[in-house]
N, C-alpha and C. Protein backbone atom coordinates (compact mmCIF):
# COMPACT_ATOMS: atom_id res chain seq x y z
N MET A 1 0.84 -1.18 0.00
CA MET A 1 0.00 0.00 0.00
C MET A 1 0.89 1.24 0.00
N VAL A 2 0.38 2.26 -0.65
CA VAL A 2 1.08 3.53 -0.74
C VAL A 2 0.13 4.60 -0.24
N THR A 3 0.64 5.53 0.57
CA THR A 3 -0.18 6.63 1.05
C THR A 3 0.39 7.95 0.54
N PHE A 4 -0.44 8.71 -0.15
CA PHE A 4 -0.10 10.07 -0.54
C PHE A 4 -0.67 10.98 0.52
N HIS A 5 0.16 11.84 1.09
CA HIS A 5 -0.29 12.82 2.08
C HIS A 5 -0.51 14.14 1.34
N THR A 6 -1.76 14.61 1.33
CA THR A 6 -2.09 15.85 0.62
C THR A 6 -2.65 16.87 1.60
N ASN A 7 -2.78 18.11 1.15
CA ASN A 7 -3.36 19.13 2.02
C ASN A 7 -4.88 18.96 2.15
N HIS A 8 -5.45 18.02 1.43
CA HIS A 8 -6.88 17.71 1.54
C HIS A 8 -7.11 16.35 2.19
N GLY A 9 -6.07 15.76 2.73
CA GLY A 9 -6.19 14.45 3.36
C GLY A 9 -5.33 13.41 2.67
N ASP A 10 -5.32 12.24 3.23
CA ASP A 10 -4.49 11.16 2.70
C ASP A 10 -5.24 10.37 1.63
N ILE A 11 -4.47 9.87 0.68
CA ILE A 11 -4.98 8.98 -0.36
C ILE A 11 -4.20 7.68 -0.22
N VAL A 12 -4.91 6.59 0.03
CA VAL A 12 -4.27 5.28 0.19
C VAL A 12 -4.50 4.48 -1.08
N ILE A 13 -3.41 3.95 -1.63
CA ILE A 13 -3.48 3.18 -2.87
C ILE A 13 -3.01 1.76 -2.59
N LYS A 14 -3.84 0.81 -2.92
CA LYS A 14 -3.47 -0.59 -2.79
C LYS A 14 -2.86 -1.05 -4.11
N THR A 15 -1.69 -1.65 -4.04
CA THR A 15 -1.04 -2.14 -5.25
C THR A 15 -1.24 -3.65 -5.36
N PHE A 16 -1.23 -4.14 -6.58
CA PHE A 16 -1.45 -5.56 -6.85
C PHE A 16 -0.24 -6.11 -7.60
N ASP A 17 0.86 -6.29 -6.87
CA ASP A 17 2.08 -6.75 -7.53
C ASP A 17 1.97 -8.18 -8.04
N ASP A 18 1.01 -8.94 -7.54
CA ASP A 18 0.82 -10.30 -8.05
C ASP A 18 0.15 -10.28 -9.43
N LYS A 19 -0.59 -9.22 -9.73
CA LYS A 19 -1.28 -9.11 -11.02
C LYS A 19 -0.53 -8.25 -12.03
N ALA A 20 0.22 -7.27 -11.54
CA ALA A 20 0.94 -6.35 -12.44
C ALA A 20 2.29 -5.99 -11.82
N PRO A 21 3.18 -6.96 -11.69
CA PRO A 21 4.43 -6.73 -10.96
C PRO A 21 5.31 -5.63 -11.56
N GLU A 22 5.39 -5.55 -12.86
CA GLU A 22 6.26 -4.54 -13.47
C GLU A 22 5.68 -3.14 -13.29
N THR A 23 4.37 -3.01 -13.42
CA THR A 23 3.72 -1.72 -13.22
C THR A 23 3.88 -1.24 -11.79
N VAL A 24 3.68 -2.14 -10.83
CA VAL A 24 3.83 -1.79 -9.42
C VAL A 24 5.27 -1.40 -9.13
N LYS A 25 6.23 -2.14 -9.67
CA LYS A 25 7.64 -1.82 -9.46
C LYS A 25 7.95 -0.42 -9.99
N ASN A 26 7.48 -0.11 -11.20
CA ASN A 26 7.72 1.21 -11.78
C ASN A 26 7.08 2.31 -10.93
N PHE A 27 5.85 2.10 -10.50
CA PHE A 27 5.14 3.07 -9.67
C PHE A 27 5.90 3.31 -8.36
N LEU A 28 6.33 2.24 -7.70
CA LEU A 28 7.06 2.38 -6.44
C LEU A 28 8.41 3.05 -6.65
N ASP A 29 9.06 2.77 -7.77
CA ASP A 29 10.32 3.46 -8.09
C ASP A 29 10.09 4.96 -8.21
N TYR A 30 9.02 5.35 -8.90
CA TYR A 30 8.68 6.77 -9.00
C TYR A 30 8.45 7.37 -7.62
N CYS A 31 7.75 6.65 -6.77
CA CYS A 31 7.49 7.14 -5.41
C CYS A 31 8.79 7.33 -4.64
N ARG A 32 9.66 6.34 -4.70
CA ARG A 32 10.94 6.42 -3.98
C ARG A 32 11.83 7.55 -4.49
N GLU A 33 11.74 7.83 -5.78
CA GLU A 33 12.54 8.90 -6.39
C GLU A 33 11.97 10.29 -6.11
N GLY A 34 10.78 10.34 -5.50
CA GLY A 34 10.17 11.63 -5.19
C GLY A 34 9.42 12.26 -6.35
N PHE A 35 9.11 11.47 -7.36
CA PHE A 35 8.43 12.00 -8.54
C PHE A 35 7.13 12.70 -8.20
N TYR A 36 6.40 12.18 -7.23
CA TYR A 36 5.09 12.74 -6.90
C TYR A 36 5.15 13.85 -5.84
N ASN A 37 6.32 14.14 -5.30
CA ASN A 37 6.45 15.22 -4.33
C ASN A 37 6.13 16.55 -5.01
N LYS A 38 5.29 17.33 -4.39
CA LYS A 38 4.88 18.65 -4.92
C LYS A 38 4.19 18.54 -6.27
N HIS A 39 3.67 17.36 -6.60
CA HIS A 39 2.99 17.13 -7.88
C HIS A 39 1.54 17.60 -7.76
N HIS A 40 1.05 18.26 -8.78
CA HIS A 40 -0.34 18.74 -8.79
C HIS A 40 -1.25 17.63 -9.30
N PHE A 41 -2.27 17.29 -8.51
CA PHE A 41 -3.27 16.33 -8.94
C PHE A 41 -4.54 17.11 -9.30
N PRO A 42 -5.01 16.98 -10.53
CA PRO A 42 -6.23 17.71 -10.91
C PRO A 42 -7.44 17.17 -10.16
N PRO A 43 -8.48 17.97 -10.04
CA PRO A 43 -9.71 17.49 -9.38
C PRO A 43 -10.23 16.24 -10.10
N CYS A 44 -10.77 15.32 -9.34
CA CYS A 44 -11.31 14.10 -9.94
C CYS A 44 -12.51 13.63 -9.13
N LEU A 45 -13.25 12.73 -9.70
CA LEU A 45 -14.41 12.15 -9.02
C LEU A 45 -13.96 10.97 -8.18
N LEU A 46 -14.52 10.83 -7.01
CA LEU A 46 -14.19 9.71 -6.13
C LEU A 46 -15.07 8.52 -6.49
N THR A 47 -14.42 7.40 -6.71
CA THR A 47 -15.14 6.16 -6.98
C THR A 47 -14.76 5.15 -5.91
N VAL A 48 -15.74 4.62 -5.24
CA VAL A 48 -15.50 3.62 -4.21
C VAL A 48 -16.07 2.31 -4.69
N SER A 49 -15.24 1.27 -4.65
CA SER A 49 -15.73 -0.03 -5.09
C SER A 49 -15.56 -1.07 -4.01
């Protein structure tokens, strides 16, 4: 799981490395490198499943 801490609250993302190992690895590499630090996220609709 990955948690983004924003000024509007936390966003928790569950990763599925068993289903998409390369995608999860790339995403986590971006996180570790600080790619998402100070990144602007545009407004979006919340979908809960």
